[in-house]
Protein backbone atom coordinates (compact mmCIF):
# COMPACT_ATOMS: atom_id res chain seq x y z
CA GLY A 1 -13.57 -34.38 -11.18
CA ASP A 2 -14.66 -31.76 -13.65
CA LEU A 3 -14.78 -28.13 -12.52
CA PHE A 4 -16.50 -26.09 -15.24
CA GLY A 5 -14.35 -27.75 -17.91
CA ALA A 6 -11.03 -27.08 -16.17
CA VAL A 7 -8.48 -29.86 -16.43
CA ALA A 8 -6.57 -30.83 -13.28
CA ALA A 9 -2.82 -30.26 -13.44
CA THR A 10 -0.60 -33.33 -13.39
CA VAL A 11 2.65 -31.45 -12.76
CA ASP A 12 3.53 -28.37 -10.68
CA ARG A 13 2.80 -25.16 -12.58
CA HIS A 14 3.69 -21.49 -12.20
CA VAL A 15 0.74 -19.09 -12.36
CA LEU A 16 2.54 -17.45 -15.29
CA GLY A 17 2.60 -20.63 -17.39
CA GLU A 18 6.01 -20.16 -19.00
CA LEU A 19 7.97 -19.72 -15.74
CA ASP A 20 9.59 -22.48 -13.68
CA PRO A 21 7.26 -23.53 -10.82
CA ILE A 22 10.17 -23.90 -8.35
CA ALA A 23 9.22 -20.53 -6.79
CA CYS A 24 5.61 -21.62 -6.23
CA THR A 25 4.01 -23.26 -3.24
CA PRO A 26 4.05 -27.08 -3.56
CA GLN A 27 1.02 -28.29 -5.46
CA LEU A 28 -0.84 -31.48 -6.39
CA GLY A 29 -2.23 -32.14 -2.92
CA ARG A 30 1.11 -32.37 -1.11
CA PRO A 31 0.63 -31.71 2.63
CA GLY A 32 2.54 -29.03 4.48
CA LEU A 33 2.42 -26.32 7.14
CA TRP A 34 -0.33 -23.75 6.64
CA SER A 35 2.30 -20.99 6.71
CA ASP A 36 4.01 -22.61 3.72
CA ARG A 37 0.76 -23.41 1.92
CA LEU A 38 -1.18 -20.14 2.19
CA PRO A 39 1.02 -17.95 -0.07
CA HIS A 40 1.22 -18.56 -3.81
CA PHE A 41 5.01 -18.41 -3.68
CA ARG A 42 7.72 -19.78 -1.43
CA MET A 43 9.06 -17.13 0.95
CA SER A 44 12.65 -17.79 -0.17
CA GLU A 45 11.87 -17.21 -3.86
CA MET A 46 11.00 -14.26 -6.09
CA PRO A 47 7.21 -13.98 -6.35
CA SER A 48 5.43 -13.88 -9.68
CA SER A 49 7.63 -12.56 -12.50
CA GLY A 50 9.50 -10.02 -10.36
CA GLU A 51 8.88 -7.22 -12.87
CA GLU A 52 5.23 -6.29 -12.57
CA ILE A 53 2.68 -3.75 -11.43
CA GLN A 54 -0.20 -4.75 -9.17
CA SER A 55 -3.63 -3.30 -8.48
CA GLU A 56 -6.50 -4.62 -6.42
CA TYR A 57 -10.05 -3.55 -5.64
CA LEU A 58 -12.37 -4.86 -2.94
CA LEU A 59 -16.10 -4.35 -3.00
CA PRO A 60 -19.18 -5.59 -1.15
CA HIS A 61 -19.87 -9.24 -1.96
CA ARG A 62 -23.41 -8.38 -3.07
CA HIS A 63 -21.90 -6.56 -6.09
CA ALA A 64 -19.70 -9.45 -7.24
CA ILE A 65 -21.69 -10.45 -10.33
CA GLY A 66 -22.12 -6.88 -11.56
CA ALA A 67 -18.42 -6.17 -11.06
CA ILE A 68 -17.40 -9.37 -12.86
CA ASP A 69 -19.59 -8.35 -15.79
CA ALA A 70 -18.11 -4.82 -15.80
CA ILE A 71 -14.55 -6.14 -15.83
CA ARG A 72 -15.40 -8.83 -18.39
CA ALA A 73 -16.56 -6.03 -20.72
CA LEU A 74 -12.96 -4.73 -20.66
CA ALA A 75 -11.36 -8.17 -21.16
CA GLU A 76 -10.06 -7.63 -24.69
CA GLU A 77 -8.30 -4.44 -23.61
CA ILE A 78 -7.05 -5.90 -20.33
CA GLN A 79 -5.61 -9.12 -21.78
CA PRO A 80 -2.57 -7.72 -23.67
CA ILE A 81 -1.09 -6.11 -20.54
CA LEU A 82 -2.24 -8.62 -17.91
CA LEU A 83 0.04 -11.28 -16.43
CA VAL A 84 -2.52 -12.86 -14.10
CA SER A 85 -5.64 -11.96 -12.15
CA GLU A 86 -7.61 -13.52 -9.36
CA ILE A 87 -10.94 -13.07 -7.65
CA ARG A 88 -11.27 -14.07 -4.02
CA ARG A 89 -13.66 -13.68 -1.12
CA VAL A 90 -12.64 -11.75 2.00
CA ALA A 91 -14.52 -12.00 5.31
CA ALA A 92 -15.89 -8.92 7.04
CA ASP A 93 -13.88 -7.36 9.86
CA ARG A 94 -14.20 -4.51 12.39
CA LEU A 95 -11.29 -2.28 11.34
CA TRP A 96 -12.41 1.24 10.41
CA MET A 97 -10.20 1.66 7.36
CA SER A 98 -10.30 -1.93 6.18
CA THR A 99 -11.55 -2.63 2.68
CA SER A 100 -13.85 -5.20 4.31
CA TYR A 101 -15.15 -3.18 7.28
CA GLU A 102 -18.46 -4.75 8.40
CA GLN A 103 -19.03 -6.42 5.03
CA ASP A 104 -18.01 -9.59 3.29
CA SER A 105 -16.09 -8.54 0.22
CA VAL A 106 -14.87 -9.81 -3.09
CA ALA A 107 -11.36 -8.83 -4.20
CA PHE A 108 -10.32 -8.34 -7.80
CA HIS A 109 -6.54 -8.58 -8.11
CA PHE A 110 -4.52 -7.75 -11.22
CA THR A 111 -0.82 -8.40 -11.84
CA TRP A 112 0.18 -6.34 -14.85
CA LYS A 113 3.09 -6.42 -17.26
CA ARG A 114 5.62 -3.68 -16.65
CA GLU A 115 3.98 -1.24 -19.07
CA PRO A 116 3.26 1.73 -16.76
CA GLU A 117 1.45 4.01 -19.20
CA ALA A 118 -0.86 1.30 -20.54
CA VAL A 119 -1.49 0.03 -17.00
CA GLN A 120 -2.33 3.52 -15.70
CA GLU A 121 -4.86 3.98 -18.50
CA MET A 122 -6.42 0.57 -17.83
CA ILE A 123 -6.58 1.16 -14.06
CA ALA A 124 -8.50 4.39 -14.71
CA ARG A 125 -10.94 2.47 -16.92
CA ILE A 126 -11.36 -0.30 -14.34
CA GLU A 127 -12.00 2.23 -11.57
CA ASP A 128 -14.63 3.92 -13.74
CA ALA A 129 -16.26 0.54 -14.44
CA LEU A 130 -16.32 -0.33 -10.72
CA THR A 131 -17.59 3.03 -9.42
CA LEU A 132 -21.19 1.82 -9.07
CA PHE A 133 -20.02 -1.13 -6.98
CA GLU A 134 -18.35 0.79 -4.10
CA ALA A 135 -14.90 -0.56 -5.01
CA ARG A 136 -12.13 0.30 -2.55
CA PRO A 137 -8.57 0.21 -3.86
CA HIS A 138 -5.79 -1.62 -2.03
CA TRP A 139 -3.61 1.24 -0.76
CA GLY A 140 -0.38 -0.72 -1.18
CA LYS A 141 -0.93 -1.19 -4.90
CA VAL A 142 -1.43 1.13 -7.88
CA PHE A 143 -4.69 3.09 -8.13
CA HIS A 144 -6.00 6.50 -9.25
CA ALA A 145 -8.68 7.47 -6.73
CA GLY A 146 -7.95 10.60 -4.72
CA ALA A 147 -8.85 11.58 -1.17
CA ALA A 148 -12.37 12.79 -2.03
CA ALA A 149 -13.29 9.46 -3.63
CA ILE A 150 -11.61 7.46 -0.86
CA ALA A 151 -13.38 9.39 1.92
CA GLY A 152 -16.79 8.46 0.55
CA LEU A 153 -15.98 4.75 0.65
CA TYR A 154 -15.22 4.48 4.36
CA LYS A 155 -17.90 4.91 7.03
CA HIS A 156 -15.32 6.02 9.63
CA HIS A 157 -13.04 8.06 7.37
CA SER A 158 -13.59 11.32 9.29
CA ASP A 159 -13.15 9.48 12.62
CA PHE A 160 -9.87 8.05 11.33
CA VAL A 161 -8.62 11.43 10.13
CA GLY A 162 -9.54 12.97 13.50
CA LEU A 163 -7.70 10.21 15.35
CA VAL A 164 -4.61 10.70 13.20
CA GLU A 165 -4.69 14.48 13.76
CA ARG A 166 -4.99 13.94 17.52
CA LEU A 167 -2.21 11.34 17.76
CA ASP A 168 0.10 12.89 15.15
CA PRO A 169 -0.58 16.66 15.30
CA ARG A 170 2.71 17.56 13.55
CA GLY A 171 2.19 15.05 10.73
CA ALA A 172 5.38 13.09 11.40
CA PHE A 173 3.76 9.91 10.06
CA ARG A 174 2.04 11.50 7.06
CA ASN A 175 3.44 12.25 3.64
CA ALA A 176 2.38 13.74 0.30
CA TRP A 177 0.94 10.42 -0.87
CA LEU A 178 -1.32 10.08 2.20
CA LYS A 179 -2.44 13.68 1.82
CA ALA A 180 -3.35 13.17 -1.83
CA ARG A 181 -4.97 9.76 -1.38
CA VAL A 182 -6.44 9.73 2.14
CA PHE A 183 -6.46 13.04 4.01
CA GLY A 184 -7.09 15.58 1.26
CA ASP A 185 -7.02 19.19 2.46
CA ARG A 186 -7.22 18.23 6.14
C-alpha cells in the first residue's frame, strides 16, 4: 500500500543508502527473534557508518508538531552534515531522571557526519529551537546544555542530587562531565 507517497523497498537497504545492507537487521517482512529484530543493525556488525556523531532530544509528546516545525525550519542547514535522523515515540516511565518521566515523549535522533565543529554549531541551534518544547538531551550523546538548564527539565533533579550526595559522599562515581552537565556547583 501507499504510505504518504513512500515506495516499499524490494531489496534490503542500509539506512545510509550507499552502504551495504549486510550490517542491517533483516528486512522485507522476514520473521525472526525480537532481540534480532528490534535494533537497526546486527549485533555482530558495525552500526551505521562507524564514523559519526550522534545527538538526541526527547520532549513531551504534546509538543511534537511544534518541535517538528522548529527542526524543519533548520532543514537546509541540517542536511549537509546529516547522515540520518529519526523521530520515534517513547512511553512514559517512573524513573526520576528519565527523559520520559511521567510523560509520553517523542524522540528526535540525529546521526551526523564526522564534522565536529559544524555539528557543534548545529546542535546549539537545534537546542535553541527546541527550548520552548522542554527538550531533554540524551546524556550519552552530544549536547550543549549545562547543569542549570538540565536541572530545570527534571522534576526530581534535586532529589536525585541529594540521593547521589548521600550514597556517594566522596564523589567516587562523579566526574567533571557530570558536574558540568548534571550537578553544577553542588
